[in-house]
């Protein structure tokens, strides 16, 4: 994930317009013999937080999507479990991911649910992955599953104006 923040327009000049662009680095893990009969790809619609106002008492929320498409290349795949996980990013912690601009830090996180209580991670440290099962019925069939990424920048962060970035890797396991 690449995240950007741009100067905003509040009277004090202390606002940011973080724009989170999910440039996902894809890792495909092929598990078992059945996966040789399937090919999968991933695409991401970016999160865009808009303007971050350091004086606002309201968190800055946004959504994006991750889509996984799989095609049955040959028989005998009938039911294919698929899951997507995300890494911690530069902070090294799922508890509070960080966008950085030099030594400046803007904390944020990504969640699997609209209430933003379940952190989107790798299934460890209290995080969750997203996934499902593709019920293939014929060779050549392509099925797509889409999940929403719920992003949040907590309110009350006194950060400098500038561009902030972080890198997240999404892994598709099938």
N, C-alpha and C. Protein backbone atom coordinates (compact mmCIF):
# COMPACT_ATOMS: atom_id res chain seq x y z
N UNK A 1 0.84 -1.14 0.00
CA UNK A 1 0.00 0.00 0.00
C UNK A 1 0.90 1.22 0.00
N UNK A 2 0.58 2.16 -0.83
CA UNK A 2 1.29 3.42 -0.82
C UNK A 2 0.30 4.47 -0.38
N UNK A 3 0.70 5.32 0.51
CA UNK A 3 -0.20 6.32 1.03
C UNK A 3 0.45 7.68 0.90
N UNK A 4 -0.35 8.67 0.51
CA UNK A 4 0.17 10.00 0.29
C UNK A 4 -0.65 11.01 1.07
N UNK A 5 -0.01 12.05 1.57
CA UNK A 5 -0.70 13.15 2.20
C UNK A 5 -0.25 14.43 1.52
N UNK A 6 -1.20 15.31 1.24
CA UNK A 6 -0.89 16.56 0.57
C UNK A 6 -1.39 17.72 1.41
N UNK A 7 -0.76 18.87 1.26
CA UNK A 7 -1.14 20.04 2.03
C UNK A 7 -2.61 20.35 1.84
N UNK A 8 -3.28 20.67 2.93
CA UNK A 8 -4.70 21.01 2.89
C UNK A 8 -4.91 22.48 3.06
N UNK A 9 -6.16 22.90 3.21
CA UNK A 9 -6.44 24.31 3.25
C UNK A 9 -7.22 24.76 4.46
N UNK A 10 -6.66 24.65 5.65
CA UNK A 10 -7.31 25.25 6.80
C UNK A 10 -6.63 26.58 7.06
N UNK A 11 -7.29 27.49 7.77
CA UNK A 11 -6.69 28.80 8.02
C UNK A 11 -5.31 28.72 8.67
N UNK A 12 -5.06 27.71 9.50
CA UNK A 12 -3.77 27.63 10.19
C UNK A 12 -2.69 27.01 9.32
N UNK A 13 -3.08 26.39 8.22
CA UNK A 13 -2.11 25.73 7.36
C UNK A 13 -1.62 24.41 7.93
N UNK A 14 -2.29 23.85 8.94
CA UNK A 14 -1.84 22.62 9.60
C UNK A 14 -2.76 21.45 9.26
N UNK A 15 -3.22 21.38 8.01
CA UNK A 15 -4.08 20.26 7.63
C UNK A 15 -3.39 19.43 6.56
N UNK A 16 -3.75 18.18 6.49
CA UNK A 16 -3.20 17.28 5.49
C UNK A 16 -4.33 16.67 4.70
N UNK A 17 -4.04 16.32 3.48
CA UNK A 17 -5.01 15.60 2.67
C UNK A 17 -4.41 14.25 2.33
N UNK A 18 -4.43 13.30 3.28
CA UNK A 18 -3.86 11.99 2.99
C UNK A 18 -4.68 11.27 1.92
N UNK A 19 -4.03 10.74 0.96
CA UNK A 19 -4.67 9.93 -0.06
C UNK A 19 -3.97 8.59 -0.03
N UNK A 20 -4.72 7.57 0.30
CA UNK A 20 -4.14 6.24 0.40
C UNK A 20 -4.38 5.54 -0.93
N UNK A 21 -3.32 5.21 -1.61
CA UNK A 21 -3.40 4.50 -2.87
C UNK A 21 -2.82 3.11 -2.64
N UNK A 22 -3.66 2.13 -2.70
CA UNK A 22 -3.22 0.77 -2.44
C UNK A 22 -2.48 0.24 -3.65
N UNK A 23 -1.18 0.36 -3.65
CA UNK A 23 -0.37 -0.27 -4.67
C UNK A 23 0.08 -1.59 -4.08
N UNK A 24 -0.71 -2.60 -4.26
CA UNK A 24 -0.48 -3.86 -3.57
C UNK A 24 0.54 -4.71 -4.31
N UNK A 25 1.51 -5.19 -3.57
CA UNK A 25 2.47 -6.15 -4.08
C UNK A 25 1.86 -7.52 -3.85
N UNK A 26 1.70 -8.29 -4.89
CA UNK A 26 0.97 -9.55 -4.80
C UNK A 26 1.89 -10.73 -4.65
N UNK A 27 1.56 -11.57 -3.69
CA UNK A 27 2.24 -12.85 -3.54
C UNK A 27 1.18 -13.93 -3.66
N UNK A 28 1.37 -14.85 -4.57
CA UNK A 28 0.44 -15.97 -4.70
C UNK A 28 1.06 -17.21 -4.08
N UNK A 29 0.37 -17.78 -3.14
CA UNK A 29 0.84 -19.01 -2.51
C UNK A 29 0.02 -20.16 -3.06
N UNK A 30 0.67 -21.09 -3.70
CA UNK A 30 -0.04 -22.24 -4.25
C UNK A 30 0.07 -23.38 -3.25
N UNK A 31 -1.09 -23.83 -2.79
CA UNK A 31 -1.13 -24.86 -1.77
C UNK A 31 -1.84 -26.09 -2.32
N UNK A 32 -1.17 -27.22 -2.30
CA UNK A 32 -1.79 -28.48 -2.69
C UNK A 32 -1.89 -28.66 -4.20
N UNK A 33 -2.21 -29.86 -4.64
CA UNK A 33 -2.28 -30.20 -6.05
C UNK A 33 -3.46 -29.56 -6.76
N UNK A 34 -4.55 -29.33 -6.04
CA UNK A 34 -5.75 -28.78 -6.68
C UNK A 34 -5.50 -27.38 -7.23
N UNK A 35 -4.58 -26.60 -6.62
CA UNK A 35 -4.36 -25.23 -7.08
C UNK A 35 -3.67 -25.16 -8.43
N UNK A 36 -3.04 -26.25 -8.88
CA UNK A 36 -2.42 -26.26 -10.21
C UNK A 36 -3.49 -26.13 -11.29
N UNK A 37 -4.72 -26.44 -10.96
CA UNK A 37 -5.84 -26.37 -11.90
C UNK A 37 -6.51 -25.01 -11.87
N UNK A 38 -5.97 -24.06 -11.10
CA UNK A 38 -6.59 -22.74 -10.92
C UNK A 38 -5.53 -21.65 -11.05
N UNK A 39 -5.91 -20.52 -11.65
CA UNK A 39 -5.06 -19.33 -11.62
C UNK A 39 -5.87 -18.20 -11.00
N UNK A 40 -5.20 -17.37 -10.20
CA UNK A 40 -5.88 -16.26 -9.52
C UNK A 40 -5.12 -14.96 -9.71
N UNK A 41 -5.86 -13.85 -9.67
CA UNK A 41 -5.25 -12.52 -9.73
C UNK A 41 -5.95 -11.61 -8.73
N UNK A 42 -5.31 -10.50 -8.41
CA UNK A 42 -5.85 -9.57 -7.42
C UNK A 42 -5.84 -8.17 -8.02
N UNK A 43 -6.85 -7.37 -7.63
CA UNK A 43 -6.86 -5.95 -7.99
C UNK A 43 -7.36 -5.17 -6.80
N UNK A 44 -6.96 -3.90 -6.73
CA UNK A 44 -7.29 -3.07 -5.57
C UNK A 44 -7.84 -1.73 -6.03
N UNK A 45 -8.92 -1.28 -5.40
CA UNK A 45 -9.42 0.08 -5.57
C UNK A 45 -8.93 0.87 -4.37
N UNK A 46 -8.23 1.98 -4.61
CA UNK A 46 -7.57 2.70 -3.50
C UNK A 46 -8.50 3.32 -2.48
N UNK A 47 -7.99 3.45 -1.28
CA UNK A 47 -8.62 4.27 -0.25
C UNK A 47 -8.26 5.72 -0.55
N UNK A 48 -9.18 6.64 -0.31
CA UNK A 48 -8.87 8.06 -0.46
C UNK A 48 -9.46 8.79 0.73
N UNK A 49 -8.61 9.24 1.64
CA UNK A 49 -9.08 9.88 2.86
C UNK A 49 -9.49 11.33 2.66
N UNK A 50 -9.09 11.95 1.58
CA UNK A 50 -9.41 13.36 1.39
C UNK A 50 -8.56 14.22 2.30
N UNK A 51 -9.13 15.25 2.89
CA UNK A 51 -8.38 16.20 3.72
C UNK A 51 -8.37 15.75 5.18
N UNK A 52 -7.19 15.73 5.78
CA UNK A 52 -7.06 15.45 7.21
C UNK A 52 -6.86 16.77 7.93
N UNK A 53 -7.77 17.08 8.82
CA UNK A 53 -7.70 18.33 9.59
C UNK A 53 -7.22 18.01 11.00
N UNK A 54 -6.05 18.53 11.36
CA UNK A 54 -5.48 18.23 12.68
C UNK A 54 -6.33 18.78 13.82
N UNK A 55 -7.23 19.71 13.53
CA UNK A 55 -8.06 20.31 14.58
C UNK A 55 -9.43 19.62 14.72
N UNK A 56 -9.74 18.68 13.84
CA UNK A 56 -11.02 17.98 13.89
C UNK A 56 -11.02 16.92 14.99
N UNK A 57 -12.16 16.79 15.64
CA UNK A 57 -12.32 15.76 16.67
C UNK A 57 -12.90 14.47 16.08
N UNK A 58 -13.09 14.45 14.77
CA UNK A 58 -13.69 13.30 14.10
C UNK A 58 -12.63 12.54 13.31
N UNK A 59 -12.62 11.21 13.45
CA UNK A 59 -11.68 10.37 12.69
C UNK A 59 -11.95 10.53 11.20
N UNK A 60 -10.91 10.35 10.42
CA UNK A 60 -10.99 10.46 8.97
C UNK A 60 -11.13 9.04 8.40
N UNK A 61 -12.31 8.69 7.90
CA UNK A 61 -12.59 7.34 7.42
C UNK A 61 -12.67 7.28 5.89
N UNK A 62 -12.38 6.12 5.36
CA UNK A 62 -12.47 5.89 3.92
C UNK A 62 -12.64 4.40 3.67
N UNK A 63 -13.02 4.05 2.44
CA UNK A 63 -13.11 2.65 2.06
C UNK A 63 -12.45 2.42 0.71
N UNK A 64 -12.02 1.19 0.50
CA UNK A 64 -11.47 0.73 -0.77
C UNK A 64 -11.89 -0.71 -0.94
N UNK A 65 -11.46 -1.36 -2.00
CA UNK A 65 -11.82 -2.75 -2.21
C UNK A 65 -10.63 -3.57 -2.68
N UNK A 66 -10.68 -4.85 -2.34
CA UNK A 66 -9.75 -5.83 -2.87
C UNK A 66 -10.60 -6.87 -3.58
N UNK A 67 -10.27 -7.14 -4.84
CA UNK A 67 -10.98 -8.16 -5.61
C UNK A 67 -10.02 -9.27 -6.01
N UNK A 68 -10.48 -10.50 -5.86
CA UNK A 68 -9.71 -11.66 -6.27
C UNK A 68 -10.53 -12.40 -7.32
N UNK A 69 -9.90 -12.65 -8.47
CA UNK A 69 -10.54 -13.43 -9.54
C UNK A 69 -9.76 -14.71 -9.75
N UNK A 70 -10.46 -15.83 -9.80
CA UNK A 70 -9.83 -17.12 -10.03
C UNK A 70 -10.52 -17.83 -11.19
N UNK A 71 -9.72 -18.47 -12.01
CA UNK A 71 -10.24 -19.22 -13.16
C UNK A 71 -9.85 -20.67 -13.01
N UNK A 72 -10.84 -21.56 -13.19
CA UNK A 72 -10.56 -22.99 -13.16
C UNK A 72 -9.95 -23.35 -14.51
N UNK A 73 -8.68 -23.76 -14.51
CA UNK A 73 -7.95 -24.09 -15.73
C UNK A 73 -8.20 -25.52 -16.20
N UNK A 74 -8.40 -26.41 -15.24
CA UNK A 74 -8.64 -27.82 -15.57
C UNK A 74 -9.38 -28.47 -14.40
N UNK A 75 -9.92 -29.64 -14.63
CA UNK A 75 -10.64 -30.36 -13.59
C UNK A 75 -9.61 -30.91 -12.60
N UNK A 76 -9.88 -31.24 -11.40
CA UNK A 76 -11.17 -31.51 -10.79
C UNK A 76 -11.59 -30.49 -9.74
N UNK A 77 -11.14 -29.23 -9.77
CA UNK A 77 -11.48 -28.26 -8.73
C UNK A 77 -12.99 -28.02 -8.71
N UNK A 78 -13.58 -28.16 -7.53
CA UNK A 78 -15.01 -27.90 -7.38
C UNK A 78 -15.26 -26.81 -6.36
N UNK A 79 -14.45 -26.78 -5.33
CA UNK A 79 -14.61 -25.80 -4.26
C UNK A 79 -13.23 -25.31 -3.86
N UNK A 80 -12.97 -24.01 -4.05
CA UNK A 80 -11.65 -23.46 -3.80
C UNK A 80 -11.70 -22.42 -2.69
N UNK A 81 -11.11 -22.71 -1.52
CA UNK A 81 -11.02 -21.69 -0.47
C UNK A 81 -9.94 -20.67 -0.83
N UNK A 82 -10.26 -19.39 -0.67
CA UNK A 82 -9.35 -18.29 -0.99
C UNK A 82 -9.35 -17.32 0.19
N UNK A 83 -8.15 -16.84 0.58
CA UNK A 83 -8.09 -15.81 1.62
C UNK A 83 -7.05 -14.76 1.25
N UNK A 84 -7.27 -13.53 1.75
CA UNK A 84 -6.36 -12.42 1.52
C UNK A 84 -5.90 -11.91 2.88
N UNK A 85 -4.60 -11.71 3.01
CA UNK A 85 -4.04 -11.14 4.23
C UNK A 85 -3.22 -9.90 3.88
N UNK A 86 -3.01 -9.03 4.87
CA UNK A 86 -2.20 -7.82 4.70
C UNK A 86 -1.07 -7.81 5.73
N UNK A 87 0.07 -7.24 5.35
CA UNK A 87 1.20 -7.11 6.27
C UNK A 87 1.03 -5.90 7.18
N UNK A 88 1.95 -5.75 8.11
CA UNK A 88 1.92 -4.67 9.10
C UNK A 88 2.32 -3.32 8.52
N UNK A 89 3.15 -3.31 7.50
CA UNK A 89 3.66 -2.05 6.98
C UNK A 89 4.90 -1.63 7.75
N UNK A 90 5.29 -0.38 7.57
CA UNK A 90 6.55 0.11 8.14
C UNK A 90 6.55 0.22 9.66
N UNK A 91 5.36 0.24 10.28
CA UNK A 91 5.32 0.37 11.74
C UNK A 91 5.76 -0.91 12.43
N UNK A 92 5.63 -2.05 11.72
CA UNK A 92 5.98 -3.33 12.33
C UNK A 92 4.94 -3.82 13.32
N UNK A 93 3.76 -3.17 13.33
CA UNK A 93 2.70 -3.54 14.27
C UNK A 93 1.34 -3.41 13.61
N UNK A 94 0.46 -4.36 13.88
CA UNK A 94 -0.91 -4.25 13.40
C UNK A 94 -1.71 -3.28 14.26
N UNK A 95 -1.30 -3.09 15.51
CA UNK A 95 -2.05 -2.25 16.43
C UNK A 95 -2.17 -0.82 15.93
N UNK A 96 -1.13 -0.33 15.29
CA UNK A 96 -1.15 1.04 14.78
C UNK A 96 -0.20 1.14 13.60
N UNK A 97 -0.75 1.07 12.38
CA UNK A 97 0.09 1.25 11.19
C UNK A 97 0.47 2.72 11.08
N UNK A 98 1.57 2.97 10.38
CA UNK A 98 2.07 4.34 10.29
C UNK A 98 2.42 4.74 8.87
N UNK A 99 1.98 5.93 8.50
CA UNK A 99 2.46 6.57 7.28
C UNK A 99 3.58 7.50 7.75
N UNK A 100 4.66 7.54 6.99
CA UNK A 100 5.80 8.35 7.43
C UNK A 100 6.18 9.39 6.39
N UNK A 101 6.68 10.50 6.90
CA UNK A 101 7.26 11.58 6.10
C UNK A 101 8.54 11.96 6.83
N UNK A 102 9.66 11.33 6.44
CA UNK A 102 10.90 11.52 7.20
C UNK A 102 10.72 10.98 8.60
N UNK A 103 10.90 11.83 9.61
CA UNK A 103 10.71 11.41 11.00
C UNK A 103 9.27 11.62 11.47
N UNK A 104 8.45 12.28 10.65
CA UNK A 104 7.05 12.54 11.01
C UNK A 104 6.20 11.30 10.75
N UNK A 105 5.24 11.06 11.66
CA UNK A 105 4.40 9.87 11.59
C UNK A 105 2.93 10.26 11.67
N UNK A 106 2.12 9.67 10.79
CA UNK A 106 0.67 9.80 10.82
C UNK A 106 0.11 8.38 10.97
N UNK A 107 -0.53 8.09 12.11
CA UNK A 107 -1.03 6.74 12.34
C UNK A 107 -2.38 6.53 11.63
N UNK A 108 -2.61 5.30 11.23
CA UNK A 108 -3.84 4.91 10.54
C UNK A 108 -4.00 3.41 10.73
N UNK A 109 -5.11 2.88 10.24
CA UNK A 109 -5.23 1.43 10.19
C UNK A 109 -6.26 1.03 9.15
N UNK A 110 -6.28 -0.27 8.86
CA UNK A 110 -7.22 -0.85 7.92
C UNK A 110 -7.97 -1.97 8.63
N UNK A 111 -9.26 -2.06 8.34
CA UNK A 111 -10.14 -2.97 9.05
C UNK A 111 -10.96 -3.81 8.08
N UNK A 112 -11.47 -4.94 8.57
CA UNK A 112 -12.31 -5.82 7.75
C UNK A 112 -13.79 -5.51 7.91
N UNK A 113 -14.16 -4.65 8.87
CA UNK A 113 -15.57 -4.38 9.12
C UNK A 113 -15.86 -2.88 9.18
N UNK A 114 -17.12 -2.52 8.89
CA UNK A 114 -17.52 -1.12 8.82
C UNK A 114 -17.42 -0.40 10.16
N UNK A 115 -17.52 -1.12 11.27
CA UNK A 115 -17.40 -0.49 12.59
C UNK A 115 -15.93 -0.25 12.96
N UNK A 116 -15.04 -0.73 12.11
CA UNK A 116 -13.60 -0.54 12.26
C UNK A 116 -13.09 -1.04 13.63
N UNK A 117 -13.51 -2.27 13.94
CA UNK A 117 -13.08 -2.90 15.19
C UNK A 117 -12.21 -4.13 14.96
N UNK A 118 -12.21 -4.66 13.73
CA UNK A 118 -11.42 -5.85 13.42
C UNK A 118 -10.33 -5.48 12.43
N UNK A 119 -9.09 -5.50 12.88
CA UNK A 119 -7.95 -5.08 12.05
C UNK A 119 -7.69 -6.10 10.95
N UNK A 120 -7.52 -5.60 9.74
CA UNK A 120 -7.20 -6.41 8.57
C UNK A 120 -5.71 -6.74 8.64
N UNK A 121 -5.39 -8.01 8.84
CA UNK A 121 -3.99 -8.43 8.98
C UNK A 121 -3.78 -9.81 8.41
N UNK A 122 -3.01 -10.62 9.14
CA UNK A 122 -2.69 -11.97 8.67
C UNK A 122 -3.29 -13.06 9.55
N UNK A 123 -4.20 -12.67 10.44
CA UNK A 123 -4.83 -13.65 11.33
C UNK A 123 -4.11 -13.81 12.65
N UNK A 124 -2.96 -13.15 12.82
CA UNK A 124 -2.23 -13.22 14.09
C UNK A 124 -2.49 -11.95 14.90
N UNK A 125 -2.12 -11.97 16.15
CA UNK A 125 -2.18 -10.80 17.04
C UNK A 125 -3.56 -10.15 17.04
N UNK A 126 -4.61 -10.96 16.98
CA UNK A 126 -5.97 -10.43 17.03
C UNK A 126 -6.47 -9.83 15.72
N UNK A 127 -5.75 -10.02 14.63
CA UNK A 127 -6.19 -9.51 13.33
C UNK A 127 -6.98 -10.57 12.58
N UNK A 128 -7.63 -10.16 11.50
CA UNK A 128 -8.38 -11.10 10.67
C UNK A 128 -8.00 -10.96 9.21
N UNK A 129 -8.19 -12.03 8.48
CA UNK A 129 -8.05 -12.02 7.03
C UNK A 129 -9.47 -11.98 6.45
N UNK A 130 -9.57 -11.84 5.13
CA UNK A 130 -10.87 -11.96 4.47
C UNK A 130 -10.79 -13.10 3.48
N UNK A 131 -11.90 -13.74 3.25
CA UNK A 131 -11.87 -14.86 2.31
C UNK A 131 -13.23 -15.46 2.09
N UNK A 132 -13.21 -16.52 1.32
CA UNK A 132 -14.43 -17.22 1.01
C UNK A 132 -14.10 -18.45 0.18
N UNK A 133 -15.12 -19.04 -0.40
CA UNK A 133 -14.95 -20.24 -1.21
C UNK A 133 -15.55 -20.00 -2.58
N UNK A 134 -14.79 -20.32 -3.63
CA UNK A 134 -15.28 -20.23 -4.99
C UNK A 134 -15.82 -21.60 -5.40
N UNK A 135 -17.14 -21.69 -5.68
CA UNK A 135 -17.75 -22.97 -6.05
C UNK A 135 -17.73 -23.19 -7.58
N UNK A 136 -16.62 -23.67 -8.10
CA UNK A 136 -16.51 -23.89 -9.54
C UNK A 136 -17.43 -25.01 -10.01
N UNK A 137 -18.00 -24.83 -11.21
CA UNK A 137 -18.88 -25.85 -11.78
C UNK A 137 -18.41 -26.36 -13.13
N UNK A 138 -17.45 -25.63 -13.79
CA UNK A 138 -16.94 -26.10 -15.09
C UNK A 138 -15.56 -25.51 -15.36
N UNK A 139 -14.79 -26.19 -16.18
CA UNK A 139 -13.46 -25.75 -16.59
C UNK A 139 -13.61 -24.48 -17.43
N UNK A 140 -12.77 -23.49 -17.15
CA UNK A 140 -12.82 -22.21 -17.86
C UNK A 140 -13.63 -21.15 -17.12
N UNK A 141 -14.34 -21.55 -16.08
CA UNK A 141 -15.16 -20.62 -15.30
C UNK A 141 -14.27 -19.68 -14.50
N UNK A 142 -14.60 -18.38 -14.48
CA UNK A 142 -13.91 -17.39 -13.67
C UNK A 142 -14.89 -16.86 -12.62
N UNK A 143 -14.47 -16.88 -11.37
CA UNK A 143 -15.27 -16.36 -10.27
C UNK A 143 -14.49 -15.25 -9.59
N UNK A 144 -15.21 -14.22 -9.13
CA UNK A 144 -14.57 -13.07 -8.48
C UNK A 144 -15.22 -12.82 -7.13
N UNK A 145 -14.40 -12.56 -6.14
CA UNK A 145 -14.87 -12.17 -4.82
C UNK A 145 -14.29 -10.82 -4.47
N UNK A 146 -15.09 -9.96 -3.86
CA UNK A 146 -14.65 -8.60 -3.51
C UNK A 146 -14.88 -8.36 -2.03
N UNK A 147 -13.89 -7.74 -1.39
CA UNK A 147 -14.00 -7.38 0.02
C UNK A 147 -13.71 -5.90 0.17
N UNK A 148 -14.40 -5.28 1.11
CA UNK A 148 -14.17 -3.86 1.39
C UNK A 148 -13.06 -3.71 2.42
N UNK A 149 -12.19 -2.74 2.17
CA UNK A 149 -11.16 -2.34 3.13
C UNK A 149 -11.68 -1.07 3.79
N UNK A 150 -11.76 -1.08 5.10
CA UNK A 150 -12.23 0.10 5.84
C UNK A 150 -11.02 0.78 6.47
N UNK A 151 -10.71 1.99 6.04
CA UNK A 151 -9.55 2.71 6.55
C UNK A 151 -9.95 3.78 7.55
N UNK A 152 -9.04 4.08 8.47
CA UNK A 152 -9.29 5.14 9.45
C UNK A 152 -7.98 5.80 9.87
N UNK A 153 -7.99 7.13 9.84
CA UNK A 153 -6.93 7.93 10.45
C UNK A 153 -7.55 8.52 11.70
N UNK A 154 -7.06 8.16 12.89
CA UNK A 154 -7.64 8.70 14.12
C UNK A 154 -7.50 10.22 14.19
N UNK A 155 -8.48 10.85 14.83
CA UNK A 155 -8.48 12.30 15.01
C UNK A 155 -7.41 12.71 16.03
N UNK A 156 -7.10 14.00 16.03
CA UNK A 156 -6.24 14.57 17.06
C UNK A 156 -4.75 14.36 16.88
N UNK A 157 -4.30 14.07 15.68
CA UNK A 157 -2.86 13.90 15.45
C UNK A 157 -2.28 15.23 14.99
N UNK A 158 -1.31 15.73 15.72
CA UNK A 158 -0.65 16.99 15.39
C UNK A 158 0.55 16.68 14.51
N UNK A 159 0.32 16.65 13.21
CA UNK A 159 1.36 16.27 12.26
C UNK A 159 1.69 17.42 11.32
N UNK A 160 2.88 17.38 10.78
CA UNK A 160 3.33 18.40 9.84
C UNK A 160 2.74 18.14 8.47
N UNK A 161 2.60 19.20 7.71
CA UNK A 161 2.15 19.10 6.32
C UNK A 161 3.23 18.39 5.52
N UNK A 162 2.81 17.52 4.61
CA UNK A 162 3.77 16.83 3.76
C UNK A 162 3.20 15.54 3.21
N UNK A 163 4.01 14.83 2.47
CA UNK A 163 3.61 13.55 1.89
C UNK A 163 4.04 12.42 2.80
N UNK A 164 3.11 11.57 3.16
CA UNK A 164 3.35 10.44 4.05
C UNK A 164 3.14 9.15 3.26
N UNK A 165 3.94 8.13 3.53
CA UNK A 165 3.84 6.88 2.78
C UNK A 165 4.07 5.66 3.68
N UNK A 166 3.50 4.57 3.27
CA UNK A 166 3.70 3.27 3.91
C UNK A 166 3.55 2.23 2.81
N UNK A 167 4.08 1.03 3.03
CA UNK A 167 3.94 -0.05 2.06
C UNK A 167 3.35 -1.27 2.75
N UNK A 168 2.28 -1.78 2.17
CA UNK A 168 1.58 -2.95 2.67
C UNK A 168 1.61 -4.01 1.56
N UNK A 169 1.83 -5.26 1.92
CA UNK A 169 1.78 -6.35 0.95
C UNK A 169 0.53 -7.18 1.20
N UNK A 170 -0.23 -7.43 0.14
CA UNK A 170 -1.40 -8.31 0.21
C UNK A 170 -0.99 -9.68 -0.32
N UNK A 171 -1.39 -10.72 0.39
CA UNK A 171 -1.09 -12.08 -0.04
C UNK A 171 -2.39 -12.84 -0.25
N UNK A 172 -2.51 -13.45 -1.41
CA UNK A 172 -3.67 -14.28 -1.72
C UNK A 172 -3.26 -15.73 -1.55
N UNK A 173 -3.97 -16.45 -0.72
CA UNK A 173 -3.69 -17.88 -0.51
C UNK A 173 -4.86 -18.67 -1.05
N UNK A 174 -4.55 -19.65 -1.90
CA UNK A 174 -5.60 -20.51 -2.46
C UNK A 174 -5.08 -21.90 -2.65
